[in-house]
Amino acid sequence: DDEKYLRSCMIIDGLPGCRIENITLSNISYTAVGGGTLEDAARTDIPHHINVRAECFNYLGSLPAYGLYARHVKGLRMHNVNVETMKTDERMMAFLDDCL
């Protein structure tokens, strides 16, 4: 189902025990396709990207957020970030997993 790849979002994804640190997102306006379902919102089986080329994030499928998915991150700051969707979306704007 290629449409699930359209239901992606901004991604900041470190590795277990190897966090991405000190990221600041500021002055961003982002329009997501939307269309995420409650099933997408409940996903917890997101694979890690070990040994996968960075441009191949399609393997993640639909993520549990429509705006930002962040995992294994320390020191994430967001200032003046606006996220809208073109279609109704049942997911959260941001999903943070193992973030400090």
PDB file of N, CA and C in Angstrom:
ATOM      1  N   ASP A   1       0.849  -1.189   0.000  1.00  0.00           N
ATOM      2  CA  ASP A   1       0.000   0.000   0.000  1.00  0.00           C
ATOM      3  C   ASP A   1       0.887   1.242   0.000  1.00  0.00           C
ATOM      4  N   ASP A   2       1.092   1.846  -1.172  1.00  0.00           N
ATOM      5  CA  ASP A   2       1.961   3.016  -1.288  1.00  0.00           C
ATOM      6  C   ASP A   2       1.411   4.226  -0.552  1.00  0.00           C
ATOM      7  N   GLU A   3       0.102   4.295  -0.327  1.00  0.00           N
ATOM      8  CA  GLU A   3      -0.475   5.451   0.348  1.00  0.00           C
ATOM      9  C   GLU A   3       0.026   5.584   1.778  1.00  0.00           C
ATOM     10  N   LYS A   4       0.396   4.478   2.431  1.00  0.00           N
ATOM     11  CA  LYS A   4       0.879   4.576   3.815  1.00  0.00           C
ATOM     12  C   LYS A   4       2.163   5.391   3.890  1.00  0.00           C
ATOM     13  N   TYR A   5       2.949   5.426   2.806  1.00  0.00           N
ATOM     14  CA  TYR A   5       4.171   6.209   2.820  1.00  0.00           C
ATOM     15  C   TYR A   5       3.882   7.701   2.730  1.00  0.00           C
ATOM     16  N   LEU A   6       2.733   8.057   2.219  1.00  0.00           N
ATOM     17  CA  LEU A   6       2.332   9.460   2.183  1.00  0.00           C
ATOM     18  C   LEU A   6       1.929   9.952   3.567  1.00  0.00           C
ATOM     19  N   ARG A   7       1.669   9.025   4.491  1.00  0.00           N
ATOM     20  CA  ARG A   7       1.256   9.399   5.843  1.00  0.00           C
ATOM     21  C   ARG A   7       2.464   9.457   6.771  1.00  0.00           C
ATOM     22  N   SER A   8       3.591   9.912   6.277  1.00  0.00           N
ATOM     23  CA  SER A   8       4.794  10.027   7.070  1.00  0.00           C
ATOM     24  C   SER A   8       4.834  11.398   7.732  1.00  0.00           C
ATOM     25  N   CYS A   9       5.997  11.774   8.264  1.00  0.00           N
ATOM     26  CA  CYS A   9       6.156  13.049   8.958  1.00  0.00           C
ATOM     27  C   CYS A   9       7.646  13.375   9.034  1.00  0.00           C
ATOM     28  N   MET A  10       7.992  14.474   9.720  1.00  0.00           N
ATOM     29  CA  MET A  10       9.399  14.761   9.974  1.00  0.00           C
ATOM     30  C   MET A  10       9.911  13.689  10.933  1.00  0.00           C
ATOM     31  N   ILE A  11      11.149  13.240  10.715  1.00  0.00           N
ATOM     32  CA  ILE A  11      11.699  12.144  11.505  1.00  0.00           C
ATOM     33  C   ILE A  11      13.064  12.531  12.051  1.00  0.00           C
ATOM     34  N   ILE A  12      13.239  12.353  13.363  1.00  0.00           N
ATOM     35  CA  ILE A  12      14.554  12.456  14.003  1.00  0.00           C
ATOM     36  C   ILE A  12      14.715  11.141  14.751  1.00  0.00           C
ATOM     37  N   ASP A  13      15.572  10.271  14.260  1.00  0.00           N
ATOM     38  CA  ASP A  13      15.605   8.891  14.756  1.00  0.00           C
ATOM     39  C   ASP A  13      17.028   8.444  15.043  1.00  0.00           C
ATOM     40  N   GLY A  14      17.374   8.409  16.335  1.00  0.00           N
ATOM     41  CA  GLY A  14      18.670   7.890  16.741  1.00  0.00           C
ATOM     42  C   GLY A  14      18.609   6.382  16.889  1.00  0.00           C
ATOM     43  N   LEU A  15      19.534   5.836  17.650  1.00  0.00           N
ATOM     44  CA  LEU A  15      19.584   4.394  17.896  1.00  0.00           C
ATOM     45  C   LEU A  15      19.574   4.140  19.398  1.00  0.00           C
ATOM     46  N   PRO A  16      19.127   2.974  19.829  1.00  0.00           N
ATOM     47  CA  PRO A  16      19.176   2.661  21.263  1.00  0.00           C
ATOM     48  C   PRO A  16      20.609   2.803  21.774  1.00  0.00           C
ATOM     49  N   GLY A  17      20.796   3.562  22.837  1.00  0.00           N
ATOM     50  CA  GLY A  17      22.120   3.770  23.408  1.00  0.00           C
ATOM     51  C   GLY A  17      22.981   4.755  22.642  1.00  0.00           C
ATOM     52  N   CYS A  18      22.469   5.323  21.592  1.00  0.00           N
ATOM     53  CA  CYS A  18      23.222   6.278  20.764  1.00  0.00           C
ATOM     54  C   CYS A  18      22.256   7.374  20.310  1.00  0.00           C
ATOM     55  N   ARG A  19      21.921   8.260  21.239  1.00  0.00           N
ATOM     56  CA  ARG A  19      20.934   9.300  20.960  1.00  0.00           C
ATOM     57  C   ARG A  19      21.488  10.405  20.058  1.00  0.00           C
ATOM     58  N   ILE A  20      20.592  11.008  19.311  1.00  0.00           N
ATOM     59  CA  ILE A  20      20.893  12.257  18.620  1.00  0.00           C
ATOM     60  C   ILE A  20      20.703  13.351  19.661  1.00  0.00           C
ATOM     61  N   GLU A  21      21.641  14.290  19.759  1.00  0.00           N
ATOM     62  CA  GLU A  21      21.597  15.283  20.829  1.00  0.00           C
ATOM     63  C   GLU A  21      21.550  16.710  20.308  1.00  0.00           C
ATOM     64  N   ASN A  22      20.875  17.554  21.117  1.00  0.00           N
ATOM     65  CA  ASN A  22      20.859  19.006  20.940  1.00  0.00           C
ATOM     66  C   ASN A  22      20.384  19.441  19.556  1.00  0.00           C
ATOM     67  N   ILE A  23      19.126  19.131  19.276  1.00  0.00           N
ATOM     68  CA  ILE A  23      18.483  19.509  18.021  1.00  0.00           C
ATOM     69  C   ILE A  23      17.502  20.647  18.307  1.00  0.00           C
ATOM     70  N   THR A  24      17.544  21.689  17.498  1.00  0.00           N
ATOM     71  CA  THR A  24      16.581  22.776  17.602  1.00  0.00           C
ATOM     72  C   THR A  24      15.856  22.921  16.269  1.00  0.00           C
ATOM     73  N   LEU A  25      14.539  22.863  16.328  1.00  0.00           N
ATOM     74  CA  LEU A  25      13.699  23.125  15.163  1.00  0.00           C
ATOM     75  C   LEU A  25      13.046  24.478  15.402  1.00  0.00           C
ATOM     76  N   SER A  26      13.236  25.420  14.493  1.00  0.00           N
ATOM     77  CA  SER A  26      12.627  26.730  14.693  1.00  0.00           C
ATOM     78  C   SER A  26      12.169  27.324  13.371  1.00  0.00           C
ATOM     79  N   ASN A  27      11.081  28.087  13.479  1.00  0.00           N
ATOM     80  CA  ASN A  27      10.503  28.792  12.335  1.00  0.00           C
ATOM     81  C   ASN A  27      10.202  27.842  11.172  1.00  0.00           C
ATOM     82  N   ILE A  28       9.435  26.799  11.473  1.00  0.00           N
ATOM     83  CA  ILE A  28       9.063  25.798  10.469  1.00  0.00           C
ATOM     84  C   ILE A  28       7.554  25.799  10.295  1.00  0.00           C
ATOM     85  N   SER A  29       7.125  25.868   9.051  1.00  0.00           N
ATOM     86  CA  SER A  29       5.721  25.646   8.692  1.00  0.00           C
ATOM     87  C   SER A  29       5.716  24.423   7.786  1.00  0.00           C
ATOM     88  N   TYR A  30       4.973  23.403   8.189  1.00  0.00           N
ATOM     89  CA  TYR A  30       4.996  22.122   7.492  1.00  0.00           C
ATOM     90  C   TYR A  30       3.561  21.689   7.244  1.00  0.00           C
ATOM     91  N   THR A  31       3.256  21.310   6.012  1.00  0.00           N
ATOM     92  CA  THR A  31       1.939  20.788   5.691  1.00  0.00           C
ATOM     93  C   THR A  31       2.085  19.322   5.335  1.00  0.00           C
ATOM     94  N   ALA A  32       1.502  18.466   6.162  1.00  0.00           N
ATOM     95  CA  ALA A  32       1.554  17.025   5.950  1.00  0.00           C
ATOM     96  C   ALA A  32       0.336  16.593   5.143  1.00  0.00           C
ATOM     97  N   VAL A  33       0.457  15.477   4.455  1.00  0.00           N
ATOM     98  CA  VAL A  33      -0.664  14.948   3.684  1.00  0.00           C
ATOM     99  C   VAL A  33      -1.819  14.594   4.606  1.00  0.00           C
ATOM    100  N   GLY A  34      -1.509  13.988   5.760  1.00  0.00           N
ATOM    101  CA  GLY A  34      -2.562  13.568   6.685  1.00  0.00           C
ATOM    102  C   GLY A  34      -3.173  12.247   6.267  1.00  0.00           C
ATOM    103  N   GLY A  35      -4.359  11.964   6.783  1.00  0.00           N
ATOM    104  CA  GLY A  35      -5.032  10.717   6.457  1.00  0.00           C
ATOM    105  C   GLY A  35      -4.683   9.570   7.376  1.00  0.00           C
ATOM    106  N   GLY A  36      -3.898   9.827   8.422  1.00  0.00           N
ATOM    107  CA  GLY A  36      -3.524   8.778   9.361  1.00  0.00           C
ATOM    108  C   GLY A  36      -4.733   8.254  10.121  1.00  0.00           C
ATOM    109  N   THR A  37      -4.673   6.980  10.461  1.00  0.00           N
ATOM    110  CA  THR A  37      -5.784   6.300  11.130  1.00  0.00           C
ATOM    111  C   THR A  37      -5.477   6.057  12.598  1.00  0.00           C
ATOM    112  N   LEU A  38      -6.470   5.623  13.344  1.00  0.00           N
ATOM    113  CA  LEU A  38      -6.250   5.232  14.737  1.00  0.00           C
ATOM    114  C   LEU A  38      -5.284   4.057  14.814  1.00  0.00           C
ATOM    115  N   GLU A  39      -5.320   3.182  13.818  1.00  0.00           N
ATOM    116  CA  GLU A  39      -4.374   2.055  13.769  1.00  0.00           C
ATOM    117  C   GLU A  39      -2.937   2.572  13.634  1.00  0.00           C
ATOM    118  N   ASP A  40      -2.736   3.575  12.781  1.00  0.00           N
ATOM    119  CA  ASP A  40      -1.413   4.196  12.649  1.00  0.00           C
ATOM    120  C   ASP A  40      -0.978   4.816  13.970  1.00  0.00           C
ATOM    121  N   ALA A  41      -1.901   5.503  14.638  1.00  0.00           N
ATOM    122  CA  ALA A  41      -1.599   6.189  15.904  1.00  0.00           C
ATOM    123  C   ALA A  41      -1.173   5.218  16.989  1.00  0.00           C
ATOM    124  N   ALA A  42      -1.642   3.980  16.921  1.00  0.00           N
ATOM    125  CA  ALA A  42      -1.349   2.981  17.954  1.00  0.00           C
ATOM    126  C   ALA A  42      -0.092   2.162  17.666  1.00  0.00           C
ATOM    127  N   ARG A  43       0.571   2.408  16.546  1.00  0.00           N
ATOM    128  CA  ARG A  43       1.745   1.603  16.178  1.00  0.00           C
ATOM    129  C   ARG A  43       2.875   1.747  17.190  1.00  0.00           C
ATOM    130  N   THR A  44       3.436   0.623  17.594  1.00  0.00           N
ATOM    131  CA  THR A  44       4.612   0.615  18.466  1.00  0.00           C
ATOM    132  C   THR A  44       5.730  -0.236  17.869  1.00  0.00           C
ATOM    133  N   ASP A  45       5.515  -0.802  16.705  1.00  0.00           N
ATOM    134  CA  ASP A  45       6.467  -1.729  16.094  1.00  0.00           C
ATOM    135  C   ASP A  45       7.353  -1.053  15.049  1.00  0.00           C
ATOM    136  N   ILE A  46       7.781   0.155  15.307  1.00  0.00           N
ATOM    137  CA  ILE A  46       8.580   0.910  14.343  1.00  0.00           C
ATOM    138  C   ILE A  46       9.994   0.321  14.321  1.00  0.00           C
ATOM    139  N   PRO A  47      10.458  -0.162  13.161  1.00  0.00           N
ATOM    140  CA  PRO A  47      11.805  -0.757  13.101  1.00  0.00           C
ATOM    141  C   PRO A  47      12.883   0.311  13.220  1.00  0.00           C
ATOM    142  N   HIS A  48      14.068  -0.110  13.663  1.00  0.00           N
ATOM    143  CA  HIS A  48      15.221   0.799  13.684  1.00  0.00           C
ATOM    144  C   HIS A  48      15.892   0.763  12.320  1.00  0.00           C
ATOM    145  N   HIS A  49      16.624   1.810  12.007  1.00  0.00           N
ATOM    146  CA  HIS A  49      17.196   1.945  10.670  1.00  0.00           C
ATOM    147  C   HIS A  49      18.627   1.444  10.564  1.00  0.00           C
ATOM    148  N   ILE A  50      19.035   0.518  11.390  1.00  0.00           N
ATOM    149  CA  ILE A  50      20.382  -0.040  11.302  1.00  0.00           C
ATOM    150  C   ILE A  50      20.536  -0.719   9.940  1.00  0.00           C
ATOM    151  N   ASN A  51      21.613  -0.406   9.262  1.00  0.00           N
ATOM    152  CA  ASN A  51      21.939  -0.991   7.954  1.00  0.00           C
ATOM    153  C   ASN A  51      20.928  -0.650   6.869  1.00  0.00           C
ATOM    154  N   VAL A  52      20.241   0.472   6.980  1.00  0.00           N
ATOM    155  CA  VAL A  52      19.318   0.919   5.949  1.00  0.00           C
ATOM    156  C   VAL A  52      19.783   2.294   5.486  1.00  0.00           C
ATOM    157  N   ARG A  53      19.818   2.515   4.189  1.00  0.00           N
ATOM    158  CA  ARG A  53      20.250   3.810   3.673  1.00  0.00           C
ATOM    159  C   ARG A  53      19.316   4.906   4.170  1.00  0.00           C
ATOM    160  N   ALA A  54      19.862   6.053   4.492  1.00  0.00           N
ATOM    161  CA  ALA A  54      19.088   7.150   5.098  1.00  0.00           C
ATOM    162  C   ALA A  54      17.916   7.594   4.234  1.00  0.00           C
ATOM    163  N   GLU A  55      18.046   7.541   2.906  1.00  0.00           N
ATOM    164  CA  GLU A  55      16.958   8.006   2.058  1.00  0.00           C
ATOM    165  C   GLU A  55      15.838   6.987   1.926  1.00  0.00           C
ATOM    166  N   CYS A  56      15.965   5.853   2.581  1.00  0.00           N
ATOM    167  CA  CYS A  56      14.973   4.774   2.453  1.00  0.00           C
ATOM    168  C   CYS A  56      14.039   4.710   3.658  1.00  0.00           C
ATOM    169  N   PHE A  57      13.543   5.853   4.131  1.00  0.00           N
ATOM    170  CA  PHE A  57      12.662   5.837   5.296  1.00  0.00           C
ATOM    171  C   PHE A  57      11.301   5.238   4.995  1.00  0.00           C
ATOM    172  N   ASN A  58      11.036   4.854   3.752  1.00  0.00           N
ATOM    173  CA  ASN A  58       9.766   4.214   3.426  1.00  0.00           C
ATOM    174  C   ASN A  58       9.557   2.933   4.219  1.00  0.00           C
ATOM    175  N   TYR A  59      10.633   2.278   4.655  1.00  0.00           N
ATOM    176  CA  TYR A  59      10.490   1.035   5.408  1.00  0.00           C
ATOM    177  C   TYR A  59       9.761   1.257   6.733  1.00  0.00           C
ATOM    178  N   LEU A  60       9.675   2.501   7.204  1.00  0.00           N
ATOM    179  CA  LEU A  60       8.996   2.785   8.463  1.00  0.00           C
ATOM    180  C   LEU A  60       7.483   2.662   8.340  1.00  0.00           C
ATOM    181  N   GLY A  61       6.950   2.892   7.151  1.00  0.00           N
ATOM    182  CA  GLY A  61       5.503   2.873   6.960  1.00  0.00           C
ATOM    183  C   GLY A  61       4.852   4.067   7.644  1.00  0.00           C
ATOM    184  N   SER A  62       3.576   3.963   7.918  1.00  0.00           N
ATOM    185  CA  SER A  62       2.856   5.042   8.585  1.00  0.00           C
ATOM    186  C   SER A  62       3.322   5.147  10.035  1.00  0.00           C
ATOM    187  N   LEU A  63       3.693   6.336  10.431  1.00  0.00           N
ATOM    188  CA  LEU A  63       4.173   6.553  11.798  1.00  0.00           C
ATOM    189  C   LEU A  63       3.036   7.039  12.685  1.00  0.00           C
ATOM    190  N   PRO A  64       3.216   6.974  14.015  1.00  0.00           N
ATOM    191  CA  PRO A  64       2.126   7.343  14.928  1.00  0.00           C
ATOM    192  C   PRO A  64       1.931   8.846  15.110  1.00  0.00           C
ATOM    193  N   ALA A  65       2.538   9.661  14.249  1.00  0.00           N
ATOM    194  CA  ALA A  65       2.378  11.118  14.315  1.00  0.00           C
ATOM    195  C   ALA A  65       2.290  11.673  12.906  1.00  0.00           C
ATOM    196  N   TYR A  66       1.629  12.822  12.765  1.00  0.00           N
ATOM    197  CA  TYR A  66       1.558  13.442  11.444  1.00  0.00           C
ATOM    198  C   TYR A  66       2.563  14.564  11.279  1.00  0.00           C
ATOM    199  N   GLY A  67       3.151  15.054  12.367  1.00  0.00           N
ATOM    200  CA  GLY A  67       4.075  16.179  12.287  1.00  0.00           C
ATOM    201  C   GLY A  67       5.523  15.815  12.549  1.00  0.00           C
ATOM    202  N   LEU A  68       5.783  15.172  13.703  1.00  0.00           N
ATOM    203  CA  LEU A  68       7.154  14.839  14.093  1.00  0.00           C
ATOM    204  C   LEU A  68       7.183  13.504  14.816  1.00  0.00           C
ATOM    205  N   TYR A  69       8.066  12.628  14.374  1.00  0.00           N
ATOM    206  CA  TYR A  69       8.362  11.379  15.078  1.00  0.00           C
ATOM    207  C   TYR A  69       9.812  11.477  15.522  1.00  0.00           C
ATOM    208  N   ALA A  70      10.037  11.481  16.846  1.00  0.00           N
ATOM    209  CA  ALA A  70      11.395  11.565  17.381  1.00  0.00           C
ATOM    210  C   ALA A  70      11.625  10.393  18.323  1.00  0.00           C
ATOM    211  N   ARG A  71      12.769   9.725  18.135  1.00  0.00           N
ATOM    212  CA  ARG A  71      13.101   8.558  18.962  1.00  0.00           C
ATOM    213  C   ARG A  71      14.593   8.598  19.264  1.00  0.00           C
ATOM    214  N   HIS A  72      14.934   8.276  20.516  1.00  0.00           N
ATOM    215  CA  HIS A  72      16.332   8.246  20.962  1.00  0.00           C
ATOM    216  C   HIS A  72      16.987   9.607  20.729  1.00  0.00           C
ATOM    217  N   VAL A  73      16.366  10.646  21.311  1.00  0.00           N
ATOM    218  CA  VAL A  73      16.835  12.019  21.143  1.00  0.00           C
ATOM    219  C   VAL A  73      16.994  12.647  22.523  1.00  0.00           C
ATOM    220  N   LYS A  74      18.040  13.428  22.704  1.00  0.00           N
ATOM    221  CA  LYS A  74      18.263  14.169  23.948  1.00  0.00           C
ATOM    222  C   LYS A  74      18.441  15.640  23.595  1.00  0.00           C
ATOM    223  N   GLY A  75      17.648  16.498  24.230  1.00  0.00           N
ATOM    224  CA  GLY A  75      17.790  17.935  24.035  1.00  0.00           C
ATOM    225  C   GLY A  75      17.118  18.450  22.771  1.00  0.00           C
ATOM    226  N   LEU A  76      15.895  17.985  22.515  1.00  0.00           N
ATOM    227  CA  LEU A  76      15.127  18.480  21.369  1.00  0.00           C
ATOM    228  C   LEU A  76      14.369  19.738  21.785  1.00  0.00           C
ATOM    229  N   ARG A  77      14.535  20.797  21.019  1.00  0.00           N
ATOM    230  CA  ARG A  77      13.832  22.048  21.282  1.00  0.00           C
ATOM    231  C   ARG A  77      13.067  22.436  20.025  1.00  0.00           C
ATOM    232  N   MET A  78      11.845  22.931  20.242  1.00  0.00           N
ATOM    233  CA  MET A  78      11.016  23.376  19.127  1.00  0.00           C
ATOM    234  C   MET A  78      10.498  24.775  19.425  1.00  0.00           C
ATOM    235  N   HIS A  79      10.699  25.698  18.490  1.00  0.00           N
ATOM    236  CA  HIS A  79      10.238  27.072  18.629  1.00  0.00           C
ATOM    237  C   HIS A  79       9.545  27.492  17.339  1.00  0.00           C
ATOM    238  N   ASN A  80       8.319  27.972  17.456  1.00  0.00           N
ATOM    239  CA  ASN A  80       7.578  28.476  16.308  1.00  0.00           C
ATOM    240  C   ASN A  80       7.475  27.424  15.199  1.00  0.00           C
ATOM    241  N   VAL A  81       6.993  26.242  15.574  1.00  0.00           N
ATOM    242  CA  VAL A  81       6.791  25.152  14.621  1.00  0.00           C
ATOM    243  C   VAL A  81       5.289  24.975  14.427  1.00  0.00           C
ATOM    244  N   ASN A  82       4.839  25.078  13.175  1.00  0.00           N
ATOM    245  CA  ASN A  82       3.423  24.957  12.850  1.00  0.00           C
ATOM    246  C   ASN A  82       3.249  23.798  11.878  1.00  0.00           C
ATOM    247  N   VAL A  83       2.397  22.844  12.251  1.00  0.00           N
ATOM    248  CA  VAL A  83       2.137  21.692  11.392  1.00  0.00           C
ATOM    249  C   VAL A  83       0.644  21.604  11.119  1.00  0.00           C
ATOM    250  N   GLU A  84       0.296  21.510   9.854  1.00  0.00           N
ATOM    251  CA  GLU A  84      -1.096  21.352   9.436  1.00  0.00           C
ATOM    252  C   GLU A  84      -1.187  20.107   8.568  1.00  0.00           C
ATOM    253  N   THR A  85      -2.404  19.623   8.357  1.00  0.00           N
ATOM    254  CA  THR A  85      -2.612  18.482   7.472  1.00  0.00           C
ATOM    255  C   THR A  85      -3.597  18.849   6.371  1.00  0.00           C
ATOM    256  N   MET A  86      -3.416  18.234   5.211  1.00  0.00           N
ATOM    257  CA  MET A  86      -4.338  18.457   4.100  1.00  0.00           C
ATOM    258  C   MET A  86      -5.607  17.631   4.286  1.00  0.00           C
ATOM    259  N   LYS A  87      -5.483  16.480   4.952  1.00  0.00           N
ATOM    260  CA  LYS A  87      -6.631  15.613   5.233  1.00  0.00           C
ATOM    261  C   LYS A  87      -6.740  15.435   6.744  1.00  0.00           C
ATOM    262  N   THR A  88      -7.925  15.118   7.219  1.00  0.00           N
ATOM    263  CA  THR A  88      -8.104  14.803   8.632  1.00  0.00           C
ATOM    264  C   THR A  88      -7.158  13.676   9.012  1.00  0.00           C
ATOM    265  N   ASP A  89      -6.560  13.763  10.205  1.00  0.00           N
ATOM    266  CA  ASP A  89      -5.601  12.762  10.665  1.00  0.00           C
ATOM    267  C   ASP A  89      -5.906  12.398  12.102  1.00  0.00           C
ATOM    268  N   GLU A  90      -5.949  11.110  12.386  1.00  0.00           N
ATOM    269  CA  GLU A  90      -6.286  10.614  13.727  1.00  0.00           C
ATOM    270  C   GLU A  90      -5.069  10.511  14.644  1.00  0.00           C
ATOM    271  N   ARG A  91      -3.879  10.786  14.128  1.00  0.00           N
ATOM    272  CA  ARG A  91      -2.656  10.644  14.920  1.00  0.00           C
ATOM    273  C   ARG A  91      -2.348  11.929  15.692  1.00  0.00           C
ATOM    274  N   MET A  92      -1.423  11.845  16.639  1.00  0.00           N
ATOM    275  CA  MET A  92      -0.930  13.017  17.360  1.00  0.00           C
ATOM    276  C   MET A  92      -0.044  13.841  16.441  1.00  0.00           C
ATOM    277  N   MET A  93       0.130  15.116  16.765  1.00  0.00           N
ATOM    278  CA  MET A  93       1.029  15.953  15.988  1.00  0.00           C
ATOM    279  C   MET A  93       2.465  15.465  16.169  1.00  0.00           C
ATOM    280  N   ALA A  94       2.861  15.143  17.407  1.00  0.00           N
ATOM    281  CA  ALA A  94       4.220  14.684  17.673  1.00  0.00           C
ATOM    282  C   ALA A  94       4.178  13.415  18.516  1.00  0.00           C
ATOM    283  N   PHE A  95       5.105  12.520  18.231  1.00  0.00           N
ATOM    284  CA  PHE A  95       5.266  11.292  19.006  1.00  0.00           C
ATOM    285  C   PHE A  95       6.722  11.206  19.397  1.00  0.00           C
ATOM    286  N   LEU A  96       6.992  11.167  20.702  1.00  0.00           N
ATOM    287  CA  LEU A  96       8.363  11.119  21.219  1.00  0.00           C
ATOM    288  C   LEU A  96       8.572   9.788  21.932  1.00  0.00           C
ATOM    289  N   ASP A  97       9.629   9.072  21.560  1.00  0.00           N
ATOM    290  CA  ASP A  97       9.948   7.767  22.134  1.00  0.00           C
ATOM    291  C   ASP A  97      11.397   7.793  22.594  1.00  0.00           C
ATOM    292  N   ASP A  98      11.624   7.543  23.868  1.00  0.00           N
ATOM    293  CA  ASP A  98      12.954   7.544  24.458  1.00  0.00           C
ATOM    294  C   ASP A  98      13.661   8.879  24.210  1.00  0.00           C
ATOM    295  N   CYS A  99      12.959   9.963  24.506  1.00  0.00           N
ATOM    296  CA  CYS A  99      13.504  11.304  24.354  1.00  0.00           C
ATOM    297  C   CYS A  99      13.671  11.940  25.733  1.00  0.00           C
ATOM    298  N   LEU A 100      14.798  12.605  25.914  1.00  0.00           N
ATOM    299  CA  LEU A 100      15.091  13.286  27.176  1.00  0.00           C
ATOM    300  C   LEU A 100      15.198  14.780  26.943  1.00  0.00           C
TER     301      LEU A 100
END
